[in-house]
Amino acid sequence: MKLLERYESMTEAHERAAFLRSRGIAAHVESTSALRPAGAHKSLYNAALWSVLDHQHEDAAALLDNPDHVVADPLDDSEMEELQEEGGQRARATIIRWSLGLLAALIALAAYLPTILR
């Protein structure tokens, strides 16, 4: 994934992402507040727009500058759905993996804690 642009408005970022997707470009919008370490670090930007596939980055940037740009390798609807499903599966697998690791750490701590407290 490569950063395309930052926006003050989440709505504008989502509109631009929808435009890119309508032209066969896989795009993702992320809240930039999640990227800041604390609420005290305020930023002008609230949203980031990313091109999901590296090879589509130049086309995505060109489309944002010129809506009439012709995309070299657009995804069709089935490819876009497949990509979204694959991303969802990876996200679920990551959450499960981290949850199991945290559970194992808590069990180890619970088993070790009584020996420390003696």
PDB file of N, CA and C in Angstrom:
ATOM      1  N   MET A   1       0.837  -1.182   0.000  1.00  0.00           N
ATOM      2  CA  MET A   1       0.000   0.000   0.000  1.00  0.00           C
ATOM      3  C   MET A   1       0.879   1.241   0.000  1.00  0.00           C
ATOM      4  N   LYS A   2       0.422   2.222  -0.751  1.00  0.00           N
ATOM      5  CA  LYS A   2       1.156   3.486  -0.810  1.00  0.00           C
ATOM      6  C   LYS A   2       0.196   4.644  -0.564  1.00  0.00           C
ATOM      7  N   LEU A   3       0.684   5.611   0.205  1.00  0.00           N
ATOM      8  CA  LEU A   3      -0.123   6.784   0.522  1.00  0.00           C
ATOM      9  C   LEU A   3      -0.321   7.633  -0.726  1.00  0.00           C
ATOM     10  N   LEU A   4      -1.581   7.993  -0.967  1.00  0.00           N
ATOM     11  CA  LEU A   4      -1.903   8.871  -2.083  1.00  0.00           C
ATOM     12  C   LEU A   4      -2.079  10.315  -1.633  1.00  0.00           C
ATOM     13  N   GLU A   5      -2.885  10.495  -0.578  1.00  0.00           N
ATOM     14  CA  GLU A   5      -3.241  11.854  -0.165  1.00  0.00           C
ATOM     15  C   GLU A   5      -3.798  11.826   1.249  1.00  0.00           C
ATOM     16  N   ARG A   6      -3.695  12.981   1.913  1.00  0.00           N
ATOM     17  CA  ARG A   6      -4.327  13.157   3.229  1.00  0.00           C
ATOM     18  C   ARG A   6      -5.421  14.200   3.071  1.00  0.00           C
ATOM     19  N   TYR A   7      -6.494  14.028   3.849  1.00  0.00           N
ATOM     20  CA  TYR A   7      -7.641  14.928   3.753  1.00  0.00           C
ATOM     21  C   TYR A   7      -8.069  15.403   5.135  1.00  0.00           C
ATOM     22  N   GLU A   8      -8.611  16.604   5.181  1.00  0.00           N
ATOM     23  CA  GLU A   8      -9.180  17.116   6.422  1.00  0.00           C
ATOM     24  C   GLU A   8     -10.472  16.383   6.744  1.00  0.00           C
ATOM     25  N   SER A   9     -11.198  15.992   5.723  1.00  0.00           N
ATOM     26  CA  SER A   9     -12.516  15.389   5.886  1.00  0.00           C
ATOM     27  C   SER A   9     -12.504  13.900   5.534  1.00  0.00           C
ATOM     28  N   MET A  10     -13.043  13.091   6.437  1.00  0.00           N
ATOM     29  CA  MET A  10     -13.194  11.656   6.154  1.00  0.00           C
ATOM     30  C   MET A  10     -14.141  11.463   4.973  1.00  0.00           C
ATOM     31  N   THR A  11     -15.176  12.290   4.910  1.00  0.00           N
ATOM     32  CA  THR A  11     -16.153  12.182   3.828  1.00  0.00           C
ATOM     33  C   THR A  11     -15.482  12.383   2.474  1.00  0.00           C
ATOM     34  N   GLU A  12     -14.636  13.407   2.373  1.00  0.00           N
ATOM     35  CA  GLU A  12     -13.940  13.656   1.110  1.00  0.00           C
ATOM     36  C   GLU A  12     -13.028  12.482   0.749  1.00  0.00           C
ATOM     37  N   ALA A  13     -12.336  11.943   1.732  1.00  0.00           N
ATOM     38  CA  ALA A  13     -11.455  10.797   1.474  1.00  0.00           C
ATOM     39  C   ALA A  13     -12.255   9.596   0.976  1.00  0.00           C
ATOM     40  N   HIS A  14     -13.396   9.340   1.594  1.00  0.00           N
ATOM     41  CA  HIS A  14     -14.239   8.212   1.164  1.00  0.00           C
ATOM     42  C   HIS A  14     -14.818   8.442  -0.235  1.00  0.00           C
ATOM     43  N   GLU A  15     -15.163   9.692  -0.536  1.00  0.00           N
ATOM     44  CA  GLU A  15     -15.654  10.001  -1.883  1.00  0.00           C
ATOM     45  C   GLU A  15     -14.574   9.765  -2.928  1.00  0.00           C
ATOM     46  N   ARG A  16     -13.352  10.186  -2.627  1.00  0.00           N
ATOM     47  CA  ARG A  16     -12.243   9.976  -3.564  1.00  0.00           C
ATOM     48  C   ARG A  16     -11.947   8.480  -3.724  1.00  0.00           C
ATOM     49  N   ALA A  17     -12.016   7.738  -2.616  1.00  0.00           N
ATOM     50  CA  ALA A  17     -11.786   6.284  -2.684  1.00  0.00           C
ATOM     51  C   ALA A  17     -12.852   5.616  -3.538  1.00  0.00           C
ATOM     52  N   ALA A  18     -14.102   6.029  -3.371  1.00  0.00           N
ATOM     53  CA  ALA A  18     -15.192   5.464  -4.180  1.00  0.00           C
ATOM     54  C   ALA A  18     -14.974   5.764  -5.661  1.00  0.00           C
ATOM     55  N   PHE A  19     -14.504   6.975  -5.957  1.00  0.00           N
ATOM     56  CA  PHE A  19     -14.194   7.336  -7.345  1.00  0.00           C
ATOM     57  C   PHE A  19     -13.106   6.416  -7.904  1.00  0.00           C
ATOM     58  N   LEU A  20     -12.032   6.237  -7.139  1.00  0.00           N
ATOM     59  CA  LEU A  20     -10.944   5.361  -7.601  1.00  0.00           C
ATOM     60  C   LEU A  20     -11.443   3.947  -7.818  1.00  0.00           C
ATOM     61  N   ARG A  21     -12.246   3.424  -6.870  1.00  0.00           N
ATOM     62  CA  ARG A  21     -12.777   2.059  -7.016  1.00  0.00           C
ATOM     63  C   ARG A  21     -13.655   1.941  -8.257  1.00  0.00           C
ATOM     64  N   SER A  22     -14.414   3.004  -8.558  1.00  0.00           N
ATOM     65  CA  SER A  22     -15.282   2.961  -9.741  1.00  0.00           C
ATOM     66  C   SER A  22     -14.473   2.865 -11.028  1.00  0.00           C
ATOM     67  N   ARG A  23     -13.201   3.236 -10.959  1.00  0.00           N
ATOM     68  CA  ARG A  23     -12.306   3.154 -12.115  1.00  0.00           C
ATOM     69  C   ARG A  23     -11.393   1.934 -12.051  1.00  0.00           C
ATOM     70  N   GLY A  24     -11.646   1.032 -11.103  1.00  0.00           N
ATOM     71  CA  GLY A  24     -10.872  -0.209 -11.027  1.00  0.00           C
ATOM     72  C   GLY A  24      -9.609  -0.121 -10.199  1.00  0.00           C
ATOM     73  N   ILE A  25      -9.490   0.918  -9.375  1.00  0.00           N
ATOM     74  CA  ILE A  25      -8.318   1.079  -8.506  1.00  0.00           C
ATOM     75  C   ILE A  25      -8.711   0.668  -7.090  1.00  0.00           C
ATOM     76  N   ALA A  26      -7.974  -0.254  -6.506  1.00  0.00           N
ATOM     77  CA  ALA A  26      -8.228  -0.666  -5.123  1.00  0.00           C
ATOM     78  C   ALA A  26      -7.713   0.439  -4.204  1.00  0.00           C
ATOM     79  N   ALA A  27      -8.613   1.001  -3.389  1.00  0.00           N
ATOM     80  CA  ALA A  27      -8.261   2.121  -2.513  1.00  0.00           C
ATOM     81  C   ALA A  27      -8.754   1.851  -1.104  1.00  0.00           C
ATOM     82  N   HIS A  28      -8.052   2.440  -0.139  1.00  0.00           N
ATOM     83  CA  HIS A  28      -8.395   2.259   1.277  1.00  0.00           C
ATOM     84  C   HIS A  28      -8.294   3.612   1.980  1.00  0.00           C
ATOM     85  N   VAL A  29      -9.268   3.890   2.865  1.00  0.00           N
ATOM     86  CA  VAL A  29      -9.250   5.106   3.668  1.00  0.00           C
ATOM     87  C   VAL A  29      -9.006   4.715   5.118  1.00  0.00           C
ATOM     88  N   GLU A  30      -8.130   5.477   5.756  1.00  0.00           N
ATOM     89  CA  GLU A  30      -7.782   5.201   7.150  1.00  0.00           C
ATOM     90  C   GLU A  30      -7.852   6.504   7.935  1.00  0.00           C
ATOM     91  N   SER A  31      -8.375   6.415   9.134  1.00  0.00           N
ATOM     92  CA  SER A  31      -8.405   7.584  10.006  1.00  0.00           C
ATOM     93  C   SER A  31      -6.997   7.881  10.490  1.00  0.00           C
ATOM     94  N   THR A  32      -6.558   9.118  10.364  1.00  0.00           N
ATOM     95  CA  THR A  32      -5.216   9.457  10.822  1.00  0.00           C
ATOM     96  C   THR A  32      -5.178   9.639  12.328  1.00  0.00           C
ATOM     97  N   SER A  33      -6.337   9.742  12.975  1.00  0.00           N
ATOM     98  CA  SER A  33      -6.328   9.856  14.435  1.00  0.00           C
ATOM     99  C   SER A  33      -5.812   8.571  15.072  1.00  0.00           C
ATOM    100  N   ALA A  34      -5.978   7.451  14.376  1.00  0.00           N
ATOM    101  CA  ALA A  34      -5.459   6.178  14.881  1.00  0.00           C
ATOM    102  C   ALA A  34      -3.940   6.134  14.798  1.00  0.00           C
ATOM    103  N   LEU A  35      -3.355   6.968  13.950  1.00  0.00           N
ATOM    104  CA  LEU A  35      -1.911   6.965  13.759  1.00  0.00           C
ATOM    105  C   LEU A  35      -1.195   7.897  14.730  1.00  0.00           C
ATOM    106  N   ARG A  36      -1.948   8.776  15.398  1.00  0.00           N
ATOM    107  CA  ARG A  36      -1.333   9.715  16.336  1.00  0.00           C
ATOM    108  C   ARG A  36      -1.221   9.064  17.702  1.00  0.00           C
ATOM    109  N   PRO A  37      -0.115   9.254  18.405  1.00  0.00           N
ATOM    110  CA  PRO A  37       0.088   8.590  19.697  1.00  0.00           C
ATOM    111  C   PRO A  37      -0.802   9.108  20.810  1.00  0.00           C
ATOM    112  N   ALA A  38      -1.277  10.328  20.718  1.00  0.00           N
ATOM    113  CA  ALA A  38      -2.118  10.872  21.781  1.00  0.00           C
ATOM    114  C   ALA A  38      -3.021  11.954  21.214  1.00  0.00           C
ATOM    115  N   GLY A  39      -4.122  12.184  21.908  1.00  0.00           N
ATOM    116  CA  GLY A  39      -5.056  13.201  21.473  1.00  0.00           C
ATOM    117  C   GLY A  39      -4.459  14.591  21.478  1.00  0.00           C
ATOM    118  N   ALA A  40      -3.398  14.785  22.248  1.00  0.00           N
ATOM    119  CA  ALA A  40      -2.756  16.091  22.318  1.00  0.00           C
ATOM    120  C   ALA A  40      -2.045  16.446  21.018  1.00  0.00           C
ATOM    121  N   HIS A  41      -1.716  15.443  20.225  1.00  0.00           N
ATOM    122  CA  HIS A  41      -1.032  15.677  18.949  1.00  0.00           C
ATOM    123  C   HIS A  41      -2.085  15.849  17.862  1.00  0.00           C
ATOM    124  N   LYS A  42      -2.598  17.032  17.750  1.00  0.00           N
ATOM    125  CA  LYS A  42      -3.632  17.288  16.757  1.00  0.00           C
ATOM    126  C   LYS A  42      -2.993  17.516  15.396  1.00  0.00           C
ATOM    127  N   SER A  43      -3.743  17.180  14.385  1.00  0.00           N
ATOM    128  CA  SER A  43      -3.258  17.320  13.021  1.00  0.00           C
ATOM    129  C   SER A  43      -4.334  17.972  12.172  1.00  0.00           C
ATOM    130  N   LEU A  44      -3.919  18.595  11.114  1.00  0.00           N
ATOM    131  CA  LEU A  44      -4.849  19.188  10.171  1.00  0.00           C
ATOM    132  C   LEU A  44      -5.630  18.097   9.436  1.00  0.00           C
ATOM    133  N   TYR A  45      -4.995  16.947   9.268  1.00  0.00           N
ATOM    134  CA  TYR A  45      -5.589  15.876   8.476  1.00  0.00           C
ATOM    135  C   TYR A  45      -6.287  14.841   9.360  1.00  0.00           C
ATOM    136  N   ASN A  46      -7.462  14.397   8.899  1.00  0.00           N
ATOM    137  CA  ASN A  46      -8.232  13.396   9.630  1.00  0.00           C
ATOM    138  C   ASN A  46      -8.316  12.069   8.896  1.00  0.00           C
ATOM    139  N   ALA A  47      -7.925  12.065   7.630  1.00  0.00           N
ATOM    140  CA  ALA A  47      -8.050  10.841   6.836  1.00  0.00           C
ATOM    141  C   ALA A  47      -6.883  10.707   5.871  1.00  0.00           C
ATOM    142  N   ALA A  48      -6.518   9.462   5.612  1.00  0.00           N
ATOM    143  CA  ALA A  48      -5.469   9.162   4.635  1.00  0.00           C
ATOM    144  C   ALA A  48      -6.048   8.224   3.581  1.00  0.00           C
ATOM    145  N   LEU A  49      -5.746   8.503   2.323  1.00  0.00           N
ATOM    146  CA  LEU A  49      -6.195   7.683   1.200  1.00  0.00           C
ATOM    147  C   LEU A  49      -4.992   6.918   0.661  1.00  0.00           C
ATOM    148  N   TRP A  50      -5.144   5.602   0.562  1.00  0.00           N
ATOM    149  CA  TRP A  50      -4.053   4.720   0.140  1.00  0.00           C
ATOM    150  C   TRP A  50      -4.445   3.967  -1.129  1.00  0.00           C
ATOM    151  N   SER A  51      -3.469   3.741  -1.995  1.00  0.00           N
ATOM    152  CA  SER A  51      -3.662   2.796  -3.092  1.00  0.00           C
ATOM    153  C   SER A  51      -3.227   1.437  -2.543  1.00  0.00           C
ATOM    154  N   VAL A  52      -4.085   0.451  -2.656  1.00  0.00           N
ATOM    155  CA  VAL A  52      -3.834  -0.860  -2.052  1.00  0.00           C
ATOM    156  C   VAL A  52      -2.754  -1.632  -2.818  1.00  0.00           C
ATOM    157  N   LEU A  53      -2.833  -1.607  -4.125  1.00  0.00           N
ATOM    158  CA  LEU A  53      -1.878  -2.346  -4.956  1.00  0.00           C
ATOM    159  C   LEU A  53      -0.802  -1.394  -5.454  1.00  0.00           C
ATOM    160  N   ASP A  54       0.436  -1.720  -5.166  1.00  0.00           N
ATOM    161  CA  ASP A  54       1.558  -0.846  -5.531  1.00  0.00           C
ATOM    162  C   ASP A  54       1.590  -0.522  -7.026  1.00  0.00           C
ATOM    163  N   HIS A  55       1.277  -1.518  -7.861  1.00  0.00           N
ATOM    164  CA  HIS A  55       1.363  -1.274  -9.308  1.00  0.00           C
ATOM    165  C   HIS A  55       0.264  -0.339  -9.817  1.00  0.00           C
ATOM    166  N   GLN A  56      -0.737  -0.044  -8.990  1.00  0.00           N
ATOM    167  CA  GLN A  56      -1.799   0.881  -9.384  1.00  0.00           C
ATOM    168  C   GLN A  56      -1.589   2.291  -8.825  1.00  0.00           C
ATOM    169  N   HIS A  57      -0.522   2.479  -8.060  1.00  0.00           N
ATOM    170  CA  HIS A  57      -0.311   3.763  -7.387  1.00  0.00           C
ATOM    171  C   HIS A  57      -0.215   4.939  -8.366  1.00  0.00           C
ATOM    172  N   GLU A  58       0.566   4.799  -9.408  1.00  0.00           N
ATOM    173  CA  GLU A  58       0.722   5.896 -10.368  1.00  0.00           C
ATOM    174  C   GLU A  58      -0.594   6.224 -11.065  1.00  0.00           C
ATOM    175  N   ASP A  59      -1.351   5.192 -11.441  1.00  0.00           N
ATOM    176  CA  ASP A  59      -2.658   5.428 -12.057  1.00  0.00           C
ATOM    177  C   ASP A  59      -3.609   6.125 -11.086  1.00  0.00           C
ATOM    178  N   ALA A  60      -3.573   5.710  -9.823  1.00  0.00           N
ATOM    179  CA  ALA A  60      -4.446   6.320  -8.816  1.00  0.00           C
ATOM    180  C   ALA A  60      -4.116   7.801  -8.648  1.00  0.00           C
ATOM    181  N   ALA A  61      -2.832   8.115  -8.540  1.00  0.00           N
ATOM    182  CA  ALA A  61      -2.419   9.515  -8.399  1.00  0.00           C
ATOM    183  C   ALA A  61      -2.811  10.313  -9.640  1.00  0.00           C
ATOM    184  N   ALA A  62      -2.649   9.725 -10.808  1.00  0.00           N
ATOM    185  CA  ALA A  62      -3.007  10.411 -12.055  1.00  0.00           C
ATOM    186  C   ALA A  62      -4.514  10.667 -12.122  1.00  0.00           C
ATOM    187  N   LEU A  63      -5.315   9.697 -11.666  1.00  0.00           N
ATOM    188  CA  LEU A  63      -6.771   9.872 -11.651  1.00  0.00           C
ATOM    189  C   LEU A  63      -7.204  10.981 -10.703  1.00  0.00           C
ATOM    190  N   LEU A  64      -6.524  11.098  -9.579  1.00  0.00           N
ATOM    191  CA  LEU A  64      -6.866  12.165  -8.638  1.00  0.00           C
ATOM    192  C   LEU A  64      -6.565  13.537  -9.243  1.00  0.00           C
ATOM    193  N   ASP A  65      -5.553  13.610 -10.093  1.00  0.00           N
ATOM    194  CA  ASP A  65      -5.209  14.866 -10.765  1.00  0.00           C
ATOM    195  C   ASP A  65      -6.056  15.115 -12.009  1.00  0.00           C
ATOM    196  N   ASN A  66      -6.399  14.020 -12.699  1.00  0.00           N
ATOM    197  CA  ASN A  66      -7.125  14.136 -13.962  1.00  0.00           C
ATOM    198  C   ASN A  66      -8.171  13.025 -14.042  1.00  0.00           C
ATOM    199  N   PRO A  67      -9.443  13.343 -13.823  1.00  0.00           N
ATOM    200  CA  PRO A  67     -10.492  12.309 -13.831  1.00  0.00           C
ATOM    201  C   PRO A  67     -10.644  11.578 -15.165  1.00  0.00           C
ATOM    202  N   ASP A  68     -10.057  12.117 -16.233  1.00  0.00           N
ATOM    203  CA  ASP A  68     -10.158  11.478 -17.548  1.00  0.00           C
ATOM    204  C   ASP A  68      -9.001  10.517 -17.834  1.00  0.00           C
ATOM    205  N   HIS A  69      -8.083  10.379 -16.868  1.00  0.00           N
ATOM    206  CA  HIS A  69      -6.943   9.464 -17.048  1.00  0.00           C
ATOM    207  C   HIS A  69      -7.454   8.047 -17.284  1.00  0.00           C
ATOM    208  N   VAL A  70      -6.809   7.337 -18.192  1.00  0.00           N
ATOM    209  CA  VAL A  70      -7.172   5.944 -18.494  1.00  0.00           C
ATOM    210  C   VAL A  70      -6.262   5.024 -17.682  1.00  0.00           C
ATOM    211  N   VAL A  71      -6.880   4.177 -16.865  1.00  0.00           N
ATOM    212  CA  VAL A  71      -6.139   3.257 -15.996  1.00  0.00           C
ATOM    213  C   VAL A  71      -5.563   2.114 -16.831  1.00  0.00           C
ATOM    214  N   ALA A  72      -4.290   1.826 -16.644  1.00  0.00           N
ATOM    215  CA  ALA A  72      -3.599   0.794 -17.426  1.00  0.00           C
ATOM    216  C   ALA A  72      -4.071  -0.616 -17.071  1.00  0.00           C
ATOM    217  N   ASP A  73      -4.280  -0.894 -15.796  1.00  0.00           N
ATOM    218  CA  ASP A  73      -4.621  -2.251 -15.358  1.00  0.00           C
ATOM    219  C   ASP A  73      -5.738  -2.203 -14.307  1.00  0.00           C
ATOM    220  N   PRO A  74      -6.967  -1.845 -14.729  1.00  0.00           N
ATOM    221  CA  PRO A  74      -8.055  -1.752 -13.748  1.00  0.00           C
ATOM    222  C   PRO A  74      -8.536  -3.133 -13.302  1.00  0.00           C
ATOM    223  N   LEU A  75      -9.016  -3.198 -12.060  1.00  0.00           N
ATOM    224  CA  LEU A  75      -9.621  -4.423 -11.553  1.00  0.00           C
ATOM    225  C   LEU A  75     -11.093  -4.441 -11.953  1.00  0.00           C
ATOM    226  N   ASP A  76     -11.598  -5.619 -12.292  1.00  0.00           N
ATOM    227  CA  ASP A  76     -13.041  -5.699 -12.534  1.00  0.00           C
ATOM    228  C   ASP A  76     -13.739  -5.969 -11.195  1.00  0.00           C
ATOM    229  N   ASP A  77     -15.060  -6.000 -11.205  1.00  0.00           N
ATOM    230  CA  ASP A  77     -15.820  -6.143  -9.955  1.00  0.00           C
ATOM    231  C   ASP A  77     -15.470  -7.416  -9.192  1.00  0.00           C
ATOM    232  N   SER A  78     -15.293  -8.531  -9.902  1.00  0.00           N
ATOM    233  CA  SER A  78     -14.987  -9.787  -9.211  1.00  0.00           C
ATOM    234  C   SER A  78     -13.596  -9.743  -8.577  1.00  0.00           C
ATOM    235  N   GLU A  79     -12.634  -9.131  -9.251  1.00  0.00           N
ATOM    236  CA  GLU A  79     -11.288  -9.000  -8.684  1.00  0.00           C
ATOM    237  C   GLU A  79     -11.302  -8.091  -7.460  1.00  0.00           C
ATOM    238  N   MET A  80     -12.113  -7.033  -7.511  1.00  0.00           N
ATOM    239  CA  MET A  80     -12.219  -6.112  -6.384  1.00  0.00           C
ATOM    240  C   MET A  80     -12.834  -6.828  -5.176  1.00  0.00           C
ATOM    241  N   GLU A  81     -13.897  -7.597  -5.402  1.00  0.00           N
ATOM    242  CA  GLU A  81     -14.529  -8.354  -4.313  1.00  0.00           C
ATOM    243  C   GLU A  81     -13.574  -9.380  -3.726  1.00  0.00           C
ATOM    244  N   GLU A  82     -12.828 -10.063  -4.586  1.00  0.00           N
ATOM    245  CA  GLU A  82     -11.855 -11.062  -4.130  1.00  0.00           C
ATOM    246  C   GLU A  82     -10.776 -10.414  -3.265  1.00  0.00           C
ATOM    247  N   LEU A  83     -10.304  -9.243  -3.672  1.00  0.00           N
ATOM    248  CA  LEU A  83      -9.296  -8.518  -2.921  1.00  0.00           C
ATOM    249  C   LEU A  83      -9.828  -8.095  -1.553  1.00  0.00           C
ATOM    250  N   GLN A  84     -11.078  -7.614  -1.510  1.00  0.00           N
ATOM    251  CA  GLN A  84     -11.682  -7.209  -0.246  1.00  0.00           C
ATOM    252  C   GLN A  84     -11.876  -8.408   0.688  1.00  0.00           C
ATOM    253  N   GLU A  85     -12.288  -9.532   0.135  1.00  0.00           N
ATOM    254  CA  GLU A  85     -12.473 -10.737   0.949  1.00  0.00           C
ATOM    255  C   GLU A  85     -11.142 -11.228   1.504  1.00  0.00           C
ATOM    256  N   GLU A  86     -10.116 -11.210   0.670  1.00  0.00           N
ATOM    257  CA  GLU A  86      -8.783 -11.635   1.109  1.00  0.00           C
ATOM    258  C   GLU A  86      -8.281 -10.732   2.236  1.00  0.00           C
ATOM    259  N   GLY A  87      -8.495  -9.429   2.106  1.00  0.00           N
ATOM    260  CA  GLY A  87      -8.094  -8.491   3.150  1.00  0.00           C
ATOM    261  C   GLY A  87      -8.827  -8.749   4.456  1.00  0.00           C
ATOM    262  N   GLY A  88     -10.126  -9.047   4.367  1.00  0.00           N
ATOM    263  CA  GLY A  88     -10.910  -9.359   5.559  1.00  0.00           C
ATOM    264  C   GLY A  88     -10.417 -10.623   6.239  1.00  0.00           C
ATOM    265  N   GLN A  89     -10.074 -11.638   5.447  1.00  0.00           N
ATOM    266  CA  GLN A  89      -9.566 -12.885   6.017  1.00  0.00           C
ATOM    267  C   GLN A  89      -8.227 -12.667   6.706  1.00  0.00           C
ATOM    268  N   ARG A  90      -7.365 -11.867   6.114  1.00  0.00           N
ATOM    269  CA  ARG A  90      -6.063 -11.585   6.734  1.00  0.00           C
ATOM    270  C   ARG A  90      -6.242 -10.816   8.036  1.00  0.00           C
ATOM    271  N   ALA A  91      -7.168  -9.865   8.045  1.00  0.00           N
ATOM    272  CA  ALA A  91      -7.415  -9.080   9.262  1.00  0.00           C
ATOM    273  C   ALA A  91      -7.929  -9.985  10.378  1.00  0.00           C
ATOM    274  N   ARG A  92      -8.867 -10.871  10.054  1.00  0.00           N
ATOM    275  CA  ARG A  92      -9.395 -11.805  11.069  1.00  0.00           C
ATOM    276  C   ARG A  92      -8.299 -12.727  11.592  1.00  0.00           C
ATOM    277  N   ALA A  93      -7.461 -13.233  10.691  1.00  0.00           N
ATOM    278  CA  ALA A  93      -6.372 -14.127  11.103  1.00  0.00           C
ATOM    279  C   ALA A  93      -5.387 -13.395  12.014  1.00  0.00           C
ATOM    280  N   THR A  94      -5.100 -12.137  11.714  1.00  0.00           N
ATOM    281  CA  THR A  94      -4.186 -11.347  12.552  1.00  0.00           C
ATOM    282  C   THR A  94      -4.775 -11.122  13.939  1.00  0.00           C
ATOM    283  N   ILE A  95      -6.052 -10.794  13.995  1.00  0.00           N
ATOM    284  CA  ILE A  95      -6.708 -10.581  15.293  1.00  0.00           C
ATOM    285  C   ILE A  95      -6.699 -11.859  16.117  1.00  0.00           C
ATOM    286  N   ILE A  96      -6.983 -12.984  15.490  1.00  0.00           N
ATOM    287  CA  ILE A  96      -6.979 -14.272  16.202  1.00  0.00           C
ATOM    288  C   ILE A  96      -5.575 -14.595  16.704  1.00  0.00           C
ATOM    289  N   ARG A  97      -4.576 -14.387  15.862  1.00  0.00           N
ATOM    290  CA  ARG A  97      -3.191 -14.679  16.251  1.00  0.00           C
ATOM    291  C   ARG A  97      -2.771 -13.829  17.454  1.00  0.00           C
ATOM    292  N   TRP A  98      -3.043 -12.526  17.418  1.00  0.00           N
ATOM    293  CA  TRP A  98      -2.687 -11.642  18.526  1.00  0.00           C
ATOM    294  C   TRP A  98      -3.467 -11.994  19.784  1.00  0.00           C
ATOM    295  N   SER A  99      -4.736 -12.349  19.638  1.00  0.00           N
ATOM    296  CA  SER A  99      -5.562 -12.722  20.792  1.00  0.00           C
ATOM    297  C   SER A  99      -5.031 -13.985  21.452  1.00  0.00           C
ATOM    298  N   LEU A 100      -4.651 -14.966  20.642  1.00  0.00           N
ATOM    299  CA  LEU A 100      -4.101 -16.204  21.205  1.00  0.00           C
ATOM    300  C   LEU A 100      -2.763 -15.954  21.894  1.00  0.00           C
ATOM    301  N   GLY A 101      -1.941 -15.087  21.322  1.00  0.00           N
ATOM    302  CA  GLY A 101      -0.671 -14.740  21.961  1.00  0.00           C
ATOM    303  C   GLY A 101      -0.886 -14.041  23.296  1.00  0.00           C
ATOM    304  N   LEU A 102      -1.831 -13.128  23.340  1.00  0.00           N
ATOM    305  CA  LEU A 102      -2.156 -12.432  24.583  1.00  0.00           C
ATOM    306  C   LEU A 102      -2.715 -13.400  25.618  1.00  0.00           C
ATOM    307  N   LEU A 103      -3.573 -14.304  25.185  1.00  0.00           N
ATOM    308  CA  LEU A 103      -4.126 -15.307  26.100  1.00  0.00           C
ATOM    309  C   LEU A 103      -3.015 -16.189  26.673  1.00  0.00           C
ATOM    310  N   ALA A 104      -2.086 -16.611  25.839  1.00  0.00           N
ATOM    311  CA  ALA A 104      -0.975 -17.437  26.315  1.00  0.00           C
ATOM    312  C   ALA A 104      -0.116 -16.671  27.320  1.00  0.00           C
ATOM    313  N   ALA A 105       0.114 -15.387  27.066  1.00  0.00           N
ATOM    314  CA  ALA A 105       0.896 -14.569  27.998  1.00  0.00           C
ATOM    315  C   ALA A 105       0.173 -14.419  29.337  1.00  0.00           C
ATOM    316  N   LEU A 106      -1.134 -14.237  29.299  1.00  0.00           N
ATOM    317  CA  LEU A 106      -1.914 -14.116  30.544  1.00  0.00           C
ATOM    318  C   LEU A 106      -1.923 -15.414  31.339  1.00  0.00           C
ATOM    319  N   ILE A 107      -2.024 -16.533  30.649  1.00  0.00           N
ATOM    320  CA  ILE A 107      -1.991 -17.841  31.323  1.00  0.00           C
ATOM    321  C   ILE A 107      -0.621 -18.057  31.960  1.00  0.00           C
ATOM    322  N   ALA A 108       0.442 -17.716  31.228  1.00  0.00           N
ATOM    323  CA  ALA A 108       1.797 -17.868  31.781  1.00  0.00           C
ATOM    324  C   ALA A 108       1.967 -16.964  32.996  1.00  0.00           C
ATOM    325  N   LEU A 109       1.466 -15.739  32.938  1.00  0.00           N
ATOM    326  CA  LEU A 109       1.554 -14.823  34.064  1.00  0.00           C
ATOM    327  C   LEU A 109       0.766 -15.337  35.260  1.00  0.00           C
ATOM    328  N   ALA A 110      -0.426 -15.865  34.997  1.00  0.00           N
ATOM    329  CA  ALA A 110      -1.244 -16.407  36.085  1.00  0.00           C
ATOM    330  C   ALA A 110      -0.573 -17.613  36.739  1.00  0.00           C
ATOM    331  N   ALA A 111       0.128 -18.420  35.953  1.00  0.00           N
ATOM    332  CA  ALA A 111       0.825 -19.582  36.494  1.00  0.00           C
ATOM    333  C   ALA A 111       2.073 -19.166  37.276  1.00  0.00           C
ATOM    334  N   TYR A 112       2.738 -18.105  36.853  1.00  0.00           N
ATOM    335  CA  TYR A 112       3.980 -17.666  37.468  1.00  0.00           C
ATOM    336  C   TYR A 112       3.756 -16.741  38.656  1.00  0.00           C
ATOM    337  N   LEU A 113       2.663 -16.039  38.683  1.00  0.00           N
ATOM    338  CA  LEU A 113       2.390 -15.039  39.717  1.00  0.00           C
ATOM    339  C   LEU A 113       2.379 -15.614  41.139  1.00  0.00           C
ATOM    340  N   PRO A 114       1.791 -16.773  41.393  1.00  0.00           N
ATOM    341  CA  PRO A 114       1.805 -17.294  42.757  1.00  0.00           C
ATOM    342  C   PRO A 114       3.217 -17.539  43.310  1.00  0.00           C
ATOM    343  N   THR A 115       4.163 -17.913  42.429  1.00  0.00           N
ATOM    344  CA  THR A 115       5.529 -18.132  42.902  1.00  0.00           C
ATOM    345  C   THR A 115       6.216 -16.812  43.284  1.00  0.00           C
ATOM    346  N   ILE A 116       5.836 -15.744  42.652  1.00  0.00           N
ATOM    347  CA  ILE A 116       6.407 -14.425  42.969  1.00  0.00           C
ATOM    348  C   ILE A 116       5.846 -13.919  44.295  1.00  0.00           C
ATOM    349  N   LEU A 117       4.600 -14.179  44.542  1.00  0.00           N
ATOM    350  CA  LEU A 117       3.932 -13.638  45.742  1.00  0.00           C
ATOM    351  C   LEU A 117       4.264 -14.404  47.021  1.00  0.00           C
ATOM    352  N   ARG A 118       4.935 -15.505  46.956  1.00  0.00           N
ATOM    353  CA  ARG A 118       5.273 -16.290  48.156  1.00  0.00           C
ATOM    354  C   ARG A 118       6.345 -15.651  48.953  1.00  0.00           C
TER     355      ARG A 118
END
